[in-house]
All heavy atoms as atom14 arrays in JSON, in Angstrom:
{
  "sequence": "GFPLAKSGQGARALSAGFLSSLLGGLFGALLLTATLQVARQVVLW",
  "atom14_mask": [
    [1, 1, 1, 1, 0, 0, 0, 0, 0, 0, 0, 0, 0, 0],
    [1, 1, 1, 1, 1, 1, 1, 1, 1, 1, 1, 0, 0, 0],
    [1, 1, 1, 1, 1, 1, 1, 0, 0, 0, 0, 0, 0, 0],
    [1, 1, 1, 1, 1, 1, 1, 1, 0, 0, 0, 0, 0, 0],
    [1, 1, 1, 1, 1, 0, 0, 0, 0, 0, 0, 0, 0, 0],
    [1, 1, 1, 1, 1, 1, 1, 1, 1, 0, 0, 0, 0, 0],
    [1, 1, 1, 1, 1, 1, 0, 0, 0, 0, 0, 0, 0, 0],
    [1, 1, 1, 1, 0, 0, 0, 0, 0, 0, 0, 0, 0, 0],
    [1, 1, 1, 1, 1, 1, 1, 1, 1, 0, 0, 0, 0, 0],
    [1, 1, 1, 1, 0, 0, 0, 0, 0, 0, 0, 0, 0, 0],
    [1, 1, 1, 1, 1, 0, 0, 0, 0, 0, 0, 0, 0, 0],
    [1, 1, 1, 1, 1, 1, 1, 1, 1, 1, 1, 0, 0, 0],
    [1, 1, 1, 1, 1, 0, 0, 0, 0, 0, 0, 0, 0, 0],
    [1, 1, 1, 1, 1, 1, 1, 1, 0, 0, 0, 0, 0, 0],
    [1, 1, 1, 1, 1, 1, 0, 0, 0, 0, 0, 0, 0, 0],
    [1, 1, 1, 1, 1, 0, 0, 0, 0, 0, 0, 0, 0, 0],
    [1, 1, 1, 1, 0, 0, 0, 0, 0, 0, 0, 0, 0, 0],
    [1, 1, 1, 1, 1, 1, 1, 1, 1, 1, 1, 0, 0, 0],
    [1, 1, 1, 1, 1, 1, 1, 1, 0, 0, 0, 0, 0, 0],
    [1, 1, 1, 1, 1, 1, 0, 0, 0, 0, 0, 0, 0, 0],
    [1, 1, 1, 1, 1, 1, 0, 0, 0, 0, 0, 0, 0, 0],
    [1, 1, 1, 1, 1, 1, 1, 1, 0, 0, 0, 0, 0, 0],
    [1, 1, 1, 1, 1, 1, 1, 1, 0, 0, 0, 0, 0, 0],
    [1, 1, 1, 1, 0, 0, 0, 0, 0, 0, 0, 0, 0, 0],
    [1, 1, 1, 1, 0, 0, 0, 0, 0, 0, 0, 0, 0, 0],
    [1, 1, 1, 1, 1, 1, 1, 1, 0, 0, 0, 0, 0, 0],
    [1, 1, 1, 1, 1, 1, 1, 1, 1, 1, 1, 0, 0, 0],
    [1, 1, 1, 1, 0, 0, 0, 0, 0, 0, 0, 0, 0, 0],
    [1, 1, 1, 1, 1, 0, 0, 0, 0, 0, 0, 0, 0, 0],
    [1, 1, 1, 1, 1, 1, 1, 1, 0, 0, 0, 0, 0, 0],
    [1, 1, 1, 1, 1, 1, 1, 1, 0, 0, 0, 0, 0, 0],
    [1, 1, 1, 1, 1, 1, 1, 1, 0, 0, 0, 0, 0, 0],
    [1, 1, 1, 1, 1, 1, 1, 0, 0, 0, 0, 0, 0, 0],
    [1, 1, 1, 1, 1, 0, 0, 0, 0, 0, 0, 0, 0, 0],
    [1, 1, 1, 1, 1, 1, 1, 0, 0, 0, 0, 0, 0, 0],
    [1, 1, 1, 1, 1, 1, 1, 1, 0, 0, 0, 0, 0, 0],
    [1, 1, 1, 1, 1, 1, 1, 1, 1, 0, 0, 0, 0, 0],
    [1, 1, 1, 1, 1, 1, 1, 0, 0, 0, 0, 0, 0, 0],
    [1, 1, 1, 1, 1, 0, 0, 0, 0, 0, 0, 0, 0, 0],
    [1, 1, 1, 1, 1, 1, 1, 1, 1, 1, 1, 0, 0, 0],
    [1, 1, 1, 1, 1, 1, 1, 1, 1, 0, 0, 0, 0, 0],
    [1, 1, 1, 1, 1, 1, 1, 0, 0, 0, 0, 0, 0, 0],
    [1, 1, 1, 1, 1, 1, 1, 0, 0, 0, 0, 0, 0, 0],
    [1, 1, 1, 1, 1, 1, 1, 1, 0, 0, 0, 0, 0, 0],
    [1, 1, 1, 1, 1, 1, 1, 1, 1, 1, 1, 1, 1, 1]
  ],
  "atom14_positions": [
    [[0.81, -1.22, 0.0], [0.0, 0.0, 0.0], [0.84, 1.26, 0.0], [0.57, 2.21, -0.76], [0.0, 0.0, 0.0], [0.0, 0.0, 0.0], [0.0, 0.0, 0.0], [0.0, 0.0, 0.0], [0.0, 0.0, 0.0], [0.0, 0.0, 0.0], [0.0, 0.0, 0.0], [0.0, 0.0, 0.0], [0.0, 0.0, 0.0], [0.0, 0.0, 0.0]],
    [[1.87, 1.3, 0.84], [2.71, 2.51, 0.92], [3.5, 2.75, -0.37], [3.56, 3.89, -0.85], [3.63, 2.4, 2.12], [4.34, 3.68, 2.47], [3.66, 4.88, 2.54], [5.71, 3.69, 2.72], [4.31, 6.07, 2.86], [6.37, 4.86, 3.04], [5.67, 6.05, 3.1], [0.0, 0.0, 0.0], [0.0, 0.0, 0.0], [0.0, 0.0, 0.0]],
    [[4.11, 1.72, -0.99], [4.76, 1.96, -2.28], [3.8, 2.47, -3.35], [4.18, 3.3, -4.19], [5.31, 0.57, -2.66], [5.54, -0.1, -1.35], [4.42, 0.37, -0.48], [0.0, 0.0, 0.0], [0.0, 0.0, 0.0], [0.0, 0.0, 0.0], [0.0, 0.0, 0.0], [0.0, 0.0, 0.0], [0.0, 0.0, 0.0], [0.0, 0.0, 0.0]],
    [[2.55, 1.98, -3.34], [1.57, 2.5, -4.29], [1.29, 3.97, -4.05], [1.19, 4.77, -5.0], [0.26, 1.7, -4.17], [0.23, 0.32, -4.84], [-0.97, -0.48, -4.37], [0.22, 0.47, -6.37], [0.0, 0.0, 0.0], [0.0, 0.0, 0.0], [0.0, 0.0, 0.0], [0.0, 0.0, 0.0], [0.0, 0.0, 0.0], [0.0, 0.0, 0.0]],
    [[1.18, 4.37, -2.76], [0.94, 5.78, -2.44], [2.12, 6.64, -2.88], [1.94, 7.75, -3.4], [0.68, 5.94, -0.94], [0.0, 0.0, 0.0], [0.0, 0.0, 0.0], [0.0, 0.0, 0.0], [0.0, 0.0, 0.0], [0.0, 0.0, 0.0], [0.0, 0.0, 0.0], [0.0, 0.0, 0.0], [0.0, 0.0, 0.0], [0.0, 0.0, 0.0]],
    [[3.33, 6.16, -2.66], [4.52, 6.93, -3.04], [4.64, 7.09, -4.55], [5.24, 8.04, -5.04], [5.78, 6.26, -2.48], [5.92, 6.39, -0.97], [7.31, 6.02, -0.48], [7.6, 4.55, -0.64], [8.91, 4.17, -0.05], [0.0, 0.0, 0.0], [0.0, 0.0, 0.0], [0.0, 0.0, 0.0], [0.0, 0.0, 0.0], [0.0, 0.0, 0.0]],
    [[4.04, 6.15, -5.29], [4.07, 6.25, -6.75], [2.88, 7.01, -7.31], [2.64, 7.0, -8.53], [4.12, 4.85, -7.37], [2.92, 4.14, -7.09], [0.0, 0.0, 0.0], [0.0, 0.0, 0.0], [0.0, 0.0, 0.0], [0.0, 0.0, 0.0], [0.0, 0.0, 0.0], [0.0, 0.0, 0.0], [0.0, 0.0, 0.0], [0.0, 0.0, 0.0]],
    [[2.1, 7.67, -6.43], [0.96, 8.48, -6.87], [-0.33, 7.71, -7.02], [-1.29, 8.22, -7.61], [0.0, 0.0, 0.0], [0.0, 0.0, 0.0], [0.0, 0.0, 0.0], [0.0, 0.0, 0.0], [0.0, 0.0, 0.0], [0.0, 0.0, 0.0], [0.0, 0.0, 0.0], [0.0, 0.0, 0.0], [0.0, 0.0, 0.0], [0.0, 0.0, 0.0]],
    [[-0.39, 6.48, -6.52], [-1.6, 5.65, -6.64], [-2.25, 5.39, -5.28], [-2.82, 4.33, -5.04], [-1.25, 4.32, -7.31], [-0.65, 4.45, -8.69], [-0.35, 3.09, -9.31], [-1.26, 2.4, -9.77], [0.91, 2.72, -9.32], [0.0, 0.0, 0.0], [0.0, 0.0, 0.0], [0.0, 0.0, 0.0], [0.0, 0.0, 0.0], [0.0, 0.0, 0.0]],
    [[-2.15, 6.37, -4.38], [-2.71, 6.22, -3.05], [-4.22, 6.01, -3.08], [-4.76, 5.18, -2.34], [0.0, 0.0, 0.0], [0.0, 0.0, 0.0], [0.0, 0.0, 0.0], [0.0, 0.0, 0.0], [0.0, 0.0, 0.0], [0.0, 0.0, 0.0], [0.0, 0.0, 0.0], [0.0, 0.0, 0.0], [0.0, 0.0, 0.0], [0.0, 0.0, 0.0]],
    [[-4.92, 6.76, -3.94], [-6.38, 6.63, -4.03], [-6.77, 5.24, -4.53], [-7.76, 4.66, -4.08], [-6.95, 7.7, -4.95], [0.0, 0.0, 0.0], [0.0, 0.0, 0.0], [0.0, 0.0, 0.0], [0.0, 0.0, 0.0], [0.0, 0.0, 0.0], [0.0, 0.0, 0.0], [0.0, 0.0, 0.0], [0.0, 0.0, 0.0], [0.0, 0.0, 0.0]],
    [[-5.98, 4.7, -5.46], [-6.25, 3.35, -5.96], [-6.11, 2.32, -4.84], [-6.97, 1.45, -4.67], [-5.28, 3.02, -7.1], [-5.45, 1.61, -7.66], [-4.3, 1.26, -8.6], [-4.43, -0.08, -9.13], [-3.46, -0.73, -9.77], [-2.28, -0.12, -9.97], [-3.64, -1.95, -10.22], [0.0, 0.0, 0.0], [0.0, 0.0, 0.0], [0.0, 0.0, 0.0]],
    [[-5.03, 2.43, -4.09], [-4.8, 1.49, -2.99], [-5.88, 1.61, -1.91], [-6.36, 0.61, -1.37], [-3.42, 1.72, -2.38], [0.0, 0.0, 0.0], [0.0, 0.0, 0.0], [0.0, 0.0, 0.0], [0.0, 0.0, 0.0], [0.0, 0.0, 0.0], [0.0, 0.0, 0.0], [0.0, 0.0, 0.0], [0.0, 0.0, 0.0], [0.0, 0.0, 0.0]],
    [[-6.27, 2.86, -1.6], [-7.29, 3.06, -0.57], [-8.65, 2.53, -1.01], [-9.35, 1.86, -0.23], [-7.4, 4.54, -0.22], [-6.29, 5.12, 0.66], [-6.51, 6.61, 0.87], [-6.24, 4.41, 2.01], [0.0, 0.0, 0.0], [0.0, 0.0, 0.0], [0.0, 0.0, 0.0], [0.0, 0.0, 0.0], [0.0, 0.0, 0.0], [0.0, 0.0, 0.0]],
    [[-9.06, 2.83, -2.23], [-10.38, 2.37, -2.68], [-10.41, 0.84, -2.75], [-11.42, 0.22, -2.38], [-10.73, 2.97, -4.05], [-9.8, 2.56, -5.04], [0.0, 0.0, 0.0], [0.0, 0.0, 0.0], [0.0, 0.0, 0.0], [0.0, 0.0, 0.0], [0.0, 0.0, 0.0], [0.0, 0.0, 0.0], [0.0, 0.0, 0.0], [0.0, 0.0, 0.0]],
    [[-9.31, 0.22, -3.19], [-9.24, -1.24, -3.21], [-9.3, -1.79, -1.78], [-9.99, -2.78, -1.5], [-7.97, -1.71, -3.9], [0.0, 0.0, 0.0], [0.0, 0.0, 0.0], [0.0, 0.0, 0.0], [0.0, 0.0, 0.0], [0.0, 0.0, 0.0], [0.0, 0.0, 0.0], [0.0, 0.0, 0.0], [0.0, 0.0, 0.0], [0.0, 0.0, 0.0]],
    [[-8.6, -1.13, -0.86], [-8.6, -1.56, 0.53], [-9.96, -1.41, 1.18], [-10.43, -2.31, 1.9], [0.0, 0.0, 0.0], [0.0, 0.0, 0.0], [0.0, 0.0, 0.0], [0.0, 0.0, 0.0], [0.0, 0.0, 0.0], [0.0, 0.0, 0.0], [0.0, 0.0, 0.0], [0.0, 0.0, 0.0], [0.0, 0.0, 0.0], [0.0, 0.0, 0.0]],
    [[-10.65, -0.27, 0.92], [-11.96, -0.04, 1.53], [-12.99, -1.05, 1.03], [-13.77, -1.61, 1.81], [-12.45, 1.37, 1.24], [-11.6, 2.45, 1.85], [-11.49, 3.7, 1.25], [-10.88, 2.22, 3.01], [-10.71, 4.7, 1.81], [-10.09, 3.21, 3.57], [-10.0, 4.45, 2.97], [0.0, 0.0, 0.0], [0.0, 0.0, 0.0], [0.0, 0.0, 0.0]],
    [[-13.01, -1.29, -0.3], [-13.98, -2.23, -0.85], [-13.68, -3.66, -0.39], [-14.6, -4.43, -0.07], [-13.98, -2.15, -2.38], [-15.02, -3.03, -3.09], [-16.43, -2.72, -2.59], [-14.94, -2.84, -4.61], [0.0, 0.0, 0.0], [0.0, 0.0, 0.0], [0.0, 0.0, 0.0], [0.0, 0.0, 0.0], [0.0, 0.0, 0.0], [0.0, 0.0, 0.0]],
    [[-12.4, -4.01, -0.33], [-12.02, -5.34, 0.16], [-12.42, -5.51, 1.62], [-12.9, -6.58, 2.03], [-10.51, -5.55, 0.01], [-10.11, -5.44, -1.33], [0.0, 0.0, 0.0], [0.0, 0.0, 0.0], [0.0, 0.0, 0.0], [0.0, 0.0, 0.0], [0.0, 0.0, 0.0], [0.0, 0.0, 0.0], [0.0, 0.0, 0.0], [0.0, 0.0, 0.0]],
    [[-12.23, -4.46, 2.42], [-12.63, -4.51, 3.83], [-14.13, -4.71, 3.97], [-14.6, -5.49, 4.81], [-12.21, -3.22, 4.55], [-10.81, -3.09, 4.59], [0.0, 0.0, 0.0], [0.0, 0.0, 0.0], [0.0, 0.0, 0.0], [0.0, 0.0, 0.0], [0.0, 0.0, 0.0], [0.0, 0.0, 0.0], [0.0, 0.0, 0.0], [0.0, 0.0, 0.0]],
    [[-14.89, -4.0, 3.14], [-16.35, -4.13, 3.16], [-16.77, -5.56, 2.84], [-17.56, -6.17, 3.58], [-16.97, -3.15, 2.16], [-18.47, -3.34, 1.86], [-19.3, -3.17, 3.11], [-18.91, -2.37, 0.76], [0.0, 0.0, 0.0], [0.0, 0.0, 0.0], [0.0, 0.0, 0.0], [0.0, 0.0, 0.0], [0.0, 0.0, 0.0], [0.0, 0.0, 0.0]],
    [[-16.22, -6.11, 1.75], [-16.61, -7.46, 1.34], [-16.15, -8.5, 2.36], [-16.88, -9.46, 2.67], [-16.01, -7.77, -0.04], [-16.53, -6.89, -1.19], [-15.8, -7.22, -2.48], [-18.03, -7.07, -1.37], [0.0, 0.0, 0.0], [0.0, 0.0, 0.0], [0.0, 0.0, 0.0], [0.0, 0.0, 0.0], [0.0, 0.0, 0.0], [0.0, 0.0, 0.0]],
    [[-14.96, -8.31, 2.93], [-14.47, -9.23, 3.95], [-15.33, -9.19, 5.2], [-15.65, -10.23, 5.79], [0.0, 0.0, 0.0], [0.0, 0.0, 0.0], [0.0, 0.0, 0.0], [0.0, 0.0, 0.0], [0.0, 0.0, 0.0], [0.0, 0.0, 0.0], [0.0, 0.0, 0.0], [0.0, 0.0, 0.0], [0.0, 0.0, 0.0], [0.0, 0.0, 0.0]],
    [[-15.73, -7.99, 5.62], [-16.59, -7.86, 6.8], [-17.95, -8.5, 6.58], [-18.5, -9.16, 7.49], [0.0, 0.0, 0.0], [0.0, 0.0, 0.0], [0.0, 0.0, 0.0], [0.0, 0.0, 0.0], [0.0, 0.0, 0.0], [0.0, 0.0, 0.0], [0.0, 0.0, 0.0], [0.0, 0.0, 0.0], [0.0, 0.0, 0.0], [0.0, 0.0, 0.0]],
    [[-18.52, -8.31, 5.39], [-19.82, -8.93, 5.09], [-19.71, -10.45, 5.05], [-20.61, -11.17, 5.51], [-20.35, -8.4, 3.76], [-20.75, -6.92, 3.74], [-21.19, -6.5, 2.35], [-21.87, -6.64, 4.75], [0.0, 0.0, 0.0], [0.0, 0.0, 0.0], [0.0, 0.0, 0.0], [0.0, 0.0, 0.0], [0.0, 0.0, 0.0], [0.0, 0.0, 0.0]],
    [[-18.59, -10.94, 4.53], [-18.37, -12.39, 4.52], [-18.29, -12.93, 5.94], [-18.84, -13.99, 6.25], [-17.09, -12.73, 3.76], [-16.8, -14.21, 3.68], [-17.33, -14.98, 2.66], [-16.0, -14.83, 4.64], [-17.08, -16.35, 2.59], [-15.74, -16.19, 4.57], [-16.28, -16.95, 3.55], [0.0, 0.0, 0.0], [0.0, 0.0, 0.0], [0.0, 0.0, 0.0]],
    [[-17.59, -12.2, 6.83], [-17.5, -12.62, 8.23], [-18.86, -12.69, 8.89], [-19.16, -13.62, 9.65], [0.0, 0.0, 0.0], [0.0, 0.0, 0.0], [0.0, 0.0, 0.0], [0.0, 0.0, 0.0], [0.0, 0.0, 0.0], [0.0, 0.0, 0.0], [0.0, 0.0, 0.0], [0.0, 0.0, 0.0], [0.0, 0.0, 0.0], [0.0, 0.0, 0.0]],
    [[-19.72, -11.68, 8.62], [-21.07, -11.69, 9.19], [-21.89, -12.85, 8.64], [-22.65, -13.5, 9.38], [-21.76, -10.36, 8.87], [0.0, 0.0, 0.0], [0.0, 0.0, 0.0], [0.0, 0.0, 0.0], [0.0, 0.0, 0.0], [0.0, 0.0, 0.0], [0.0, 0.0, 0.0], [0.0, 0.0, 0.0], [0.0, 0.0, 0.0], [0.0, 0.0, 0.0]],
    [[-21.74, -13.14, 7.33], [-22.46, -14.25, 6.72], [-22.01, -15.58, 7.31], [-22.83, -16.46, 7.62], [-22.23, -14.24, 5.21], [-22.96, -15.32, 4.4], [-24.47, -15.15, 4.51], [-22.52, -15.27, 2.93], [0.0, 0.0, 0.0], [0.0, 0.0, 0.0], [0.0, 0.0, 0.0], [0.0, 0.0, 0.0], [0.0, 0.0, 0.0], [0.0, 0.0, 0.0]],
    [[-20.7, -15.74, 7.5], [-20.17, -16.97, 8.09], [-20.66, -17.15, 9.53], [-21.0, -18.26, 9.95], [-18.65, -16.95, 8.06], [-17.96, -18.2, 8.61], [-18.18, -19.38, 7.69], [-16.47, -17.96, 8.79], [0.0, 0.0, 0.0], [0.0, 0.0, 0.0], [0.0, 0.0, 0.0], [0.0, 0.0, 0.0], [0.0, 0.0, 0.0], [0.0, 0.0, 0.0]],
    [[-20.7, -16.05, 10.29], [-21.2, -16.12, 11.67], [-22.65, -16.58, 11.69], [-23.04, -17.43, 12.51], [-21.06, -14.75, 12.33], [-21.6, -14.6, 13.76], [-20.93, -15.59, 14.7], [-21.4, -13.17, 14.25], [0.0, 0.0, 0.0], [0.0, 0.0, 0.0], [0.0, 0.0, 0.0], [0.0, 0.0, 0.0], [0.0, 0.0, 0.0], [0.0, 0.0, 0.0]],
    [[-23.46, -16.08, 10.77], [-24.86, -16.49, 10.69], [-24.98, -17.97, 10.39], [-25.74, -18.7, 11.04], [-25.59, -15.68, 9.59], [-25.4, -14.29, 9.83], [-27.07, -16.0, 9.58], [0.0, 0.0, 0.0], [0.0, 0.0, 0.0], [0.0, 0.0, 0.0], [0.0, 0.0, 0.0], [0.0, 0.0, 0.0], [0.0, 0.0, 0.0], [0.0, 0.0, 0.0]],
    [[-24.22, -18.43, 9.39], [-24.27, -19.85, 9.01], [-23.8, -20.75, 10.14], [-24.37, -21.81, 10.4], [-23.43, -20.08, 7.76], [0.0, 0.0, 0.0], [0.0, 0.0, 0.0], [0.0, 0.0, 0.0], [0.0, 0.0, 0.0], [0.0, 0.0, 0.0], [0.0, 0.0, 0.0], [0.0, 0.0, 0.0], [0.0, 0.0, 0.0], [0.0, 0.0, 0.0]],
    [[-22.75, -20.31, 10.84], [-22.2, -21.11, 11.94], [-23.21, -21.25, 13.06], [-23.36, -22.32, 13.66], [-20.91, -20.47, 12.48], [-19.98, -20.33, 11.41], [-20.29, -21.31, 13.57], [0.0, 0.0, 0.0], [0.0, 0.0, 0.0], [0.0, 0.0, 0.0], [0.0, 0.0, 0.0], [0.0, 0.0, 0.0], [0.0, 0.0, 0.0], [0.0, 0.0, 0.0]],
    [[-23.92, -20.18, 13.37], [-24.9, -20.22, 14.46], [-26.04, -21.19, 14.14], [-26.57, -21.85, 15.03], [-25.45, -18.83, 14.73], [-24.45, -17.82, 15.33], [-25.12, -16.46, 15.49], [-23.93, -18.31, 16.67], [0.0, 0.0, 0.0], [0.0, 0.0, 0.0], [0.0, 0.0, 0.0], [0.0, 0.0, 0.0], [0.0, 0.0, 0.0], [0.0, 0.0, 0.0]],
    [[-26.41, -21.26, 12.87], [-27.47, -22.19, 12.5], [-27.05, -23.64, 12.74], [-27.83, -24.47, 13.19], [-27.84, -22.0, 11.01], [-28.34, -20.61, 10.65], [-29.61, -20.24, 11.4], [-30.44, -21.08, 11.69], [-29.77, -18.96, 11.72], [0.0, 0.0, 0.0], [0.0, 0.0, 0.0], [0.0, 0.0, 0.0], [0.0, 0.0, 0.0], [0.0, 0.0, 0.0]],
    [[-25.78, -23.94, 12.44], [-25.27, -25.3, 12.61], [-24.97, -25.59, 14.08], [-25.08, -26.73, 14.55], [-23.99, -25.5, 11.77], [-23.39, -26.88, 11.99], [-24.3, -25.29, 10.29], [0.0, 0.0, 0.0], [0.0, 0.0, 0.0], [0.0, 0.0, 0.0], [0.0, 0.0, 0.0], [0.0, 0.0, 0.0], [0.0, 0.0, 0.0], [0.0, 0.0, 0.0]],
    [[-24.59, -24.53, 14.82], [-24.07, -24.73, 16.18], [-25.14, -25.06, 17.21], [-24.81, -25.46, 18.32], [-23.33, -23.47, 16.63], [0.0, 0.0, 0.0], [0.0, 0.0, 0.0], [0.0, 0.0, 0.0], [0.0, 0.0, 0.0], [0.0, 0.0, 0.0], [0.0, 0.0, 0.0], [0.0, 0.0, 0.0], [0.0, 0.0, 0.0], [0.0, 0.0, 0.0]],
    [[-26.4, -24.9, 16.89], [-27.45, -25.14, 17.88], [-27.33, -26.54, 18.5], [-27.44, -26.72, 19.7], [-28.84, -24.99, 17.24], [-29.22, -23.56, 16.92], [-30.56, -23.52, 16.2], [-30.96, -22.17, 15.86], [-31.71, -21.39, 16.61], [-32.13, -21.82, 17.78], [-32.04, -20.18, 16.24], [0.0, 0.0, 0.0], [0.0, 0.0, 0.0], [0.0, 0.0, 0.0]],
    [[-27.12, -27.55, 17.64], [-27.02, -28.91, 18.14], [-25.67, -29.18, 18.78], [-25.57, -29.86, 19.8], [-27.25, -29.91, 16.99], [-27.26, -31.36, 17.42], [-28.35, -31.66, 18.44], [-29.46, -31.15, 18.34], [-28.04, -32.49, 19.43], [0.0, 0.0, 0.0], [0.0, 0.0, 0.0], [0.0, 0.0, 0.0], [0.0, 0.0, 0.0], [0.0, 0.0, 0.0]],
    [[-24.6, -28.59, 18.21], [-23.25, -28.85, 18.72], [-23.1, -28.35, 20.15], [-22.48, -29.0, 21.0], [-22.2, -28.17, 17.81], [-20.8, -28.33, 18.39], [-22.27, -28.76, 16.41], [0.0, 0.0, 0.0], [0.0, 0.0, 0.0], [0.0, 0.0, 0.0], [0.0, 0.0, 0.0], [0.0, 0.0, 0.0], [0.0, 0.0, 0.0], [0.0, 0.0, 0.0]],
    [[-23.68, -27.18, 20.45], [-23.55, -26.59, 21.79], [-24.14, -27.5, 22.85], [-23.67, -27.55, 23.99], [-24.22, -25.2, 21.82], [-24.33, -24.68, 23.23], [-23.41, -24.22, 20.98], [0.0, 0.0, 0.0], [0.0, 0.0, 0.0], [0.0, 0.0, 0.0], [0.0, 0.0, 0.0], [0.0, 0.0, 0.0], [0.0, 0.0, 0.0], [0.0, 0.0, 0.0]],
    [[-25.17, -28.27, 22.49], [-25.81, -29.17, 23.46], [-24.88, -30.3, 23.9], [-25.13, -30.95, 24.92], [-27.1, -29.75, 22.86], [-28.19, -28.72, 22.5], [-29.38, -29.42, 21.88], [-28.63, -27.94, 23.74], [0.0, 0.0, 0.0], [0.0, 0.0, 0.0], [0.0, 0.0, 0.0], [0.0, 0.0, 0.0], [0.0, 0.0, 0.0], [0.0, 0.0, 0.0]],
    [[-23.83, -30.57, 23.12], [-22.88, -31.62, 23.49], [-21.92, -31.17, 24.59], [-21.18, -31.97, 25.14], [-22.06, -32.05, 22.28], [-22.86, -32.6, 21.14], [-24.15, -33.06, 21.18], [-22.44, -32.74, 19.78], [-24.55, -33.48, 19.95], [-23.52, -33.3, 19.05], [-21.26, -32.45, 19.1], [-23.45, -33.57, 17.7], [-21.18, -32.73, 17.75], [-22.26, -33.28, 17.06]]
  ]
}
């Protein structure tokens, strides 16, 4: 990221980072939802 900023592509690196963070966070929330559905029976053990 820092070499990209030093070469004048800071906005490119930031926008890629922000969108990747958004998609990664949404994936984490989706995985948490799916895990909770499966975990109902597992927790009883």
